[in-house]
């Protein structure tokens, strides 16, 4: 116990650094995937069939394969096969590759949620808008989008909570996120080796972060109750 108390400041500092990397990856993924998912949804619903089919095939591939495989291919393929390491080296390159992988993966999942939300809005409302002289873009942003947001908040919330935990997969390309930091003390880091207890602390970080997001997303859902 005394040894653990002595090691605690070193472990907490390391976990804090790892958590900031996790938080950074989470924020970048959301900022990129939320708008990209809407664009992909429009592509899959396009009346131009080649675009619609191509988009649906891409979404099917991304949703049907593990994110871990996508991370490995996206990070290593350019350098090993194309002989062009576009991501560069070091932690910055790994973060860039991880961000690209996460954004594209989650955008494909979000696109299906968007598509379901848009198609759940009764078609009669679009027809009524056209009768009133509104353009299709006005109908989408003033009528469809507002109702869609209410419908997609619960499934989007689930995906966002899943994203918190999925960020741990980035360690497969040696991105030093929080689990990487915790596991390092088992192998030997900063004079500490064979210590498994830091991993329990990483779980606490995830629990607190997920709990805060759950509360915030729950409040958002309640504020959107007026669409019922």
Protein backbone atom coordinates (compact mmCIF):
# COMPACT_ATOMS: atom_id res chain seq x y z
CA UNK A 1 0.00 0.00 0.00
CA UNK A 2 2.82 2.42 0.88
CA UNK A 3 4.50 1.68 -2.45
CA UNK A 4 1.23 2.33 -4.26
CA UNK A 5 0.82 5.69 -2.52
CA UNK A 6 4.35 6.63 -3.51
CA UNK A 7 3.69 5.70 -7.14
CA UNK A 8 0.28 7.40 -7.26
CA UNK A 9 1.44 10.93 -8.34
CA UNK A 10 3.50 9.48 -11.22
CA UNK A 11 0.62 7.28 -12.39
CA UNK A 12 -1.99 10.05 -12.17
CA UNK A 13 0.21 12.46 -14.19
CA UNK A 14 0.70 9.84 -16.87
CA UNK A 15 -3.01 8.95 -16.98
CA UNK A 16 -3.93 12.64 -17.23
CA UNK A 17 -1.70 13.00 -20.29
CA UNK A 18 -3.25 9.88 -21.83
CA UNK A 19 -6.76 11.08 -21.04
CA UNK A 20 -6.11 14.43 -22.75
CA UNK A 21 -5.12 12.50 -25.87
CA UNK A 22 -8.30 10.41 -25.58
CA UNK A 23 -10.39 13.56 -25.12
CA UNK A 24 -8.70 15.18 -28.09
CA UNK A 25 -9.42 12.20 -30.35
CA UNK A 26 -13.03 12.10 -29.14
CA UNK A 27 -13.58 15.82 -29.84
CA UNK A 28 -11.94 15.74 -33.28
CA UNK A 29 -13.98 12.67 -34.26
CA UNK A 30 -17.28 14.31 -33.29
CA UNK A 31 -16.42 17.59 -35.01
CA UNK A 32 -15.61 15.75 -38.23
CA UNK A 33 -18.09 12.87 -38.19
CA UNK A 34 -21.28 14.81 -37.37
CA UNK A 35 -21.28 17.01 -40.54
CA UNK A 36 -19.65 14.34 -42.74
CA UNK A 37 -22.31 11.84 -41.71
CA UNK A 38 -25.03 14.19 -42.97
CA UNK A 39 -23.24 14.55 -46.32
CA UNK A 40 -22.94 10.76 -46.63
CA UNK A 41 -26.63 10.41 -45.76
CA UNK A 42 -27.53 12.78 -48.61
CA UNK A 43 -25.34 10.70 -50.91
CA UNK A 44 -27.07 7.45 -49.96
CA UNK A 45 -30.50 9.06 -50.48
CA UNK A 46 -29.53 10.74 -53.76
CA UNK A 47 -31.77 10.19 -56.76
CA UNK A 48 -28.59 9.84 -58.85
CA UNK A 49 -28.30 6.07 -58.61
CA UNK A 50 -24.54 5.65 -59.22
CA UNK A 51 -23.84 8.03 -56.31
CA UNK A 52 -26.43 6.35 -54.12
CA UNK A 53 -25.13 2.83 -54.81
CA UNK A 54 -21.47 3.83 -54.38
CA UNK A 55 -22.23 5.54 -51.05
CA UNK A 56 -24.23 2.58 -49.76
CA UNK A 57 -21.43 0.15 -50.67
CA UNK A 58 -18.84 2.28 -48.84
CA UNK A 59 -21.08 2.52 -45.76
CA UNK A 60 -21.66 -1.25 -45.89
CA UNK A 61 -17.91 -1.94 -46.00
CA UNK A 62 -17.09 0.45 -43.15
CA UNK A 63 -19.92 -0.78 -40.93
CA UNK A 64 -19.18 -4.42 -41.74
CA UNK A 65 -15.49 -4.43 -40.85
CA UNK A 66 -13.83 -3.86 -37.45
CA UNK A 67 -12.57 -0.37 -36.70
CA UNK A 68 -9.28 -1.91 -35.56
CA UNK A 69 -8.67 -3.34 -39.07
CA UNK A 70 -9.51 0.02 -40.61
CA UNK A 71 -7.01 1.74 -38.31
CA UNK A 72 -4.24 -0.68 -39.25
CA UNK A 73 -4.91 -0.42 -42.99
CA UNK A 74 -5.23 3.36 -43.03
CA UNK A 75 -2.06 3.86 -40.98
CA UNK A 76 0.22 1.22 -42.53
CA UNK A 77 -1.03 0.81 -46.13
CA UNK A 78 0.36 4.10 -47.56
CA UNK A 79 3.86 3.46 -46.22
CA UNK A 80 4.16 -0.33 -46.65
CA UNK A 81 2.35 -0.75 -49.98
CA UNK A 82 2.41 2.65 -51.70
CA UNK A 83 5.83 3.56 -50.26
CA UNK A 84 4.39 6.95 -49.37
CA UNK A 85 4.04 7.43 -45.59
CA UNK A 86 1.51 10.25 -45.87
CA UNK A 87 0.84 10.39 -42.12
CA UNK A 88 4.39 11.24 -41.22
CA UNK A 89 6.10 9.90 -38.13
CA UNK A 90 5.77 10.25 -34.41
CA UNK A 91 2.75 10.84 -32.23
CA UNK A 92 1.36 13.58 -34.52
CA UNK A 93 1.26 11.21 -37.49
CA UNK A 94 -0.42 8.47 -35.49
CA UNK A 95 -2.99 10.93 -34.17
CA UNK A 96 -3.74 12.18 -37.69
CA UNK A 97 -4.25 8.65 -39.00
CA UNK A 98 -6.42 7.72 -36.01
CA UNK A 99 -8.52 10.87 -36.43
CA UNK A 100 -9.12 10.13 -40.12
CA UNK A 101 -10.09 6.53 -39.34
CA UNK A 102 -12.45 7.44 -36.51
CA UNK A 103 -14.09 10.32 -38.39
CA UNK A 104 -14.83 8.23 -41.47
CA UNK A 105 -15.99 5.21 -39.47
CA UNK A 106 -18.36 7.16 -37.24
CA UNK A 107 -19.58 9.33 -40.13
CA UNK A 108 -20.82 6.15 -41.83
CA UNK A 109 -22.69 5.08 -38.67
CA UNK A 110 -24.10 8.58 -38.17
CA UNK A 111 -25.23 8.67 -41.82
CA UNK A 112 -27.57 5.73 -41.25
CA UNK A 113 -29.01 7.44 -38.18
CA UNK A 114 -29.52 10.65 -40.16
CA UNK A 115 -31.11 8.74 -43.04
CA UNK A 116 -33.53 6.98 -40.70
CA UNK A 117 -34.40 10.27 -38.99
CA UNK A 118 -35.04 12.11 -42.25
CA UNK A 119 -37.15 9.32 -43.71
CA UNK A 120 -39.19 9.08 -40.51
CA UNK A 121 -40.58 12.60 -41.02
CA UNK A 122 -43.96 12.28 -42.82
CA UNK A 123 -43.74 13.07 -46.54
CA UNK A 124 -46.94 15.06 -46.24
CA UNK A 125 -45.07 17.83 -44.44
CA UNK A 126 -42.78 18.36 -47.43
CA UNK A 127 -45.81 18.46 -49.72
CA UNK A 128 -47.49 21.00 -47.45
CA UNK A 129 -44.36 23.14 -47.51
CA UNK A 130 -44.26 23.08 -51.31
CA UNK A 131 -47.91 24.13 -51.43
CA UNK A 132 -47.06 27.08 -49.16
CA UNK A 133 -44.36 28.16 -51.60
CA UNK A 134 -41.32 27.03 -49.62
CA UNK A 135 -38.26 25.73 -51.43
CA UNK A 136 -36.96 22.23 -50.73
CA UNK A 137 -33.97 23.64 -48.85
CA UNK A 138 -36.27 25.78 -46.68
CA UNK A 139 -38.45 22.76 -45.96
CA UNK A 140 -35.43 20.69 -44.97
CA UNK A 141 -33.86 23.25 -42.61
CA UNK A 142 -37.07 24.68 -41.12
CA UNK A 143 -39.26 21.58 -40.94
CA UNK A 144 -37.49 18.27 -41.55
CA UNK A 145 -34.19 18.98 -39.78
CA UNK A 146 -35.77 20.17 -36.53
CA UNK A 147 -37.97 17.10 -36.26
CA UNK A 148 -35.13 14.81 -37.32
CA UNK A 149 -32.90 16.10 -34.49
CA UNK A 150 -35.45 14.99 -31.88
CA UNK A 151 -35.68 11.54 -33.43
CA UNK A 152 -31.94 10.93 -33.75
CA UNK A 153 -30.78 12.11 -30.31
CA UNK A 154 -31.23 8.70 -28.55
CA UNK A 155 -29.36 6.60 -31.17
CA UNK A 156 -26.72 9.33 -31.62
CA UNK A 157 -26.23 9.38 -27.85
CA UNK A 158 -25.54 5.64 -27.87
CA UNK A 159 -22.96 6.05 -30.63
CA UNK A 160 -21.28 8.94 -28.82
CA UNK A 161 -20.97 6.89 -25.62
CA UNK A 162 -19.56 4.02 -27.69
CA UNK A 163 -17.03 6.42 -29.20
CA UNK A 164 -15.69 7.21 -25.72
CA UNK A 165 -14.72 3.56 -25.30
CA UNK A 166 -13.67 2.98 -28.92
CA UNK A 167 -10.94 5.61 -28.63
CA UNK A 168 -8.97 2.92 -26.76
CA UNK A 169 -8.55 1.07 -30.08
CA UNK A 170 -6.12 3.77 -31.21
CA UNK A 171 -3.40 2.08 -29.18
CA UNK A 172 -3.22 -0.58 -31.93
CA UNK A 173 -1.16 1.95 -33.93
CA UNK A 174 0.76 2.98 -30.79
CA UNK A 175 -1.18 6.18 -30.13
CA UNK A 176 -0.53 6.91 -26.48
CA UNK A 177 -4.06 7.30 -25.14
CA UNK A 178 -5.17 6.57 -21.59
CA UNK A 179 -5.19 2.75 -21.73
CA UNK A 180 -1.74 2.81 -23.31
CA UNK A 181 -0.61 4.95 -20.37
CA UNK A 182 -2.17 2.60 -17.80
CA UNK A 183 -0.86 -0.57 -19.44
CA UNK A 184 2.66 0.85 -19.65
CA UNK A 185 3.04 0.45 -15.89
CA UNK A 186 2.63 -3.32 -16.28
CA UNK A 187 5.52 -3.50 -18.73
CA UNK A 188 7.76 -0.93 -17.10
CA UNK A 189 7.31 2.83 -17.26
CA UNK A 190 8.94 5.63 -15.27
CA UNK A 191 10.51 3.15 -12.87
CA UNK A 192 7.25 1.25 -12.27
CA UNK A 193 6.70 -2.30 -13.57
CA UNK A 194 4.32 -5.17 -12.83
CA UNK A 195 1.61 -2.79 -11.55
CA UNK A 196 -1.90 -3.62 -12.71
CA UNK A 197 -3.79 -1.23 -10.44
CA UNK A 198 -3.34 1.78 -12.81
CA UNK A 199 -5.71 0.01 -15.23
CA UNK A 200 -8.49 0.23 -12.64
CA UNK A 201 -7.94 3.98 -12.55
CA UNK A 202 -8.31 4.16 -16.33
CA UNK A 203 -11.73 2.52 -15.91
CA UNK A 204 -12.69 5.29 -13.47
CA UNK A 205 -11.73 7.94 -16.06
CA UNK A 206 -13.99 6.26 -18.63
CA UNK A 207 -16.85 5.89 -16.16
CA UNK A 208 -16.75 9.56 -15.17
CA UNK A 209 -16.47 10.78 -18.76
CA UNK A 210 -19.29 8.50 -19.96
CA UNK A 211 -21.43 9.49 -16.97
CA UNK A 212 -21.05 13.21 -17.69
CA UNK A 213 -21.91 12.68 -21.36
CA UNK A 214 -24.95 10.59 -20.41
CA UNK A 215 -26.26 13.39 -18.18
CA UNK A 216 -25.64 16.10 -20.81
CA UNK A 217 -27.23 14.10 -23.63
CA UNK A 218 -30.18 13.25 -21.37
CA UNK A 219 -30.77 16.94 -20.71
CA UNK A 220 -30.56 17.67 -24.44
CA UNK A 221 -33.20 15.02 -25.11
CA UNK A 222 -35.52 16.55 -22.51
CA UNK A 223 -35.12 20.03 -24.04
CA UNK A 224 -36.25 18.61 -27.38
CA UNK A 225 -39.49 17.24 -25.91
CA UNK A 226 -41.42 20.14 -27.40
CA UNK A 227 -41.23 18.38 -30.80
CA UNK A 228 -43.58 15.66 -29.56
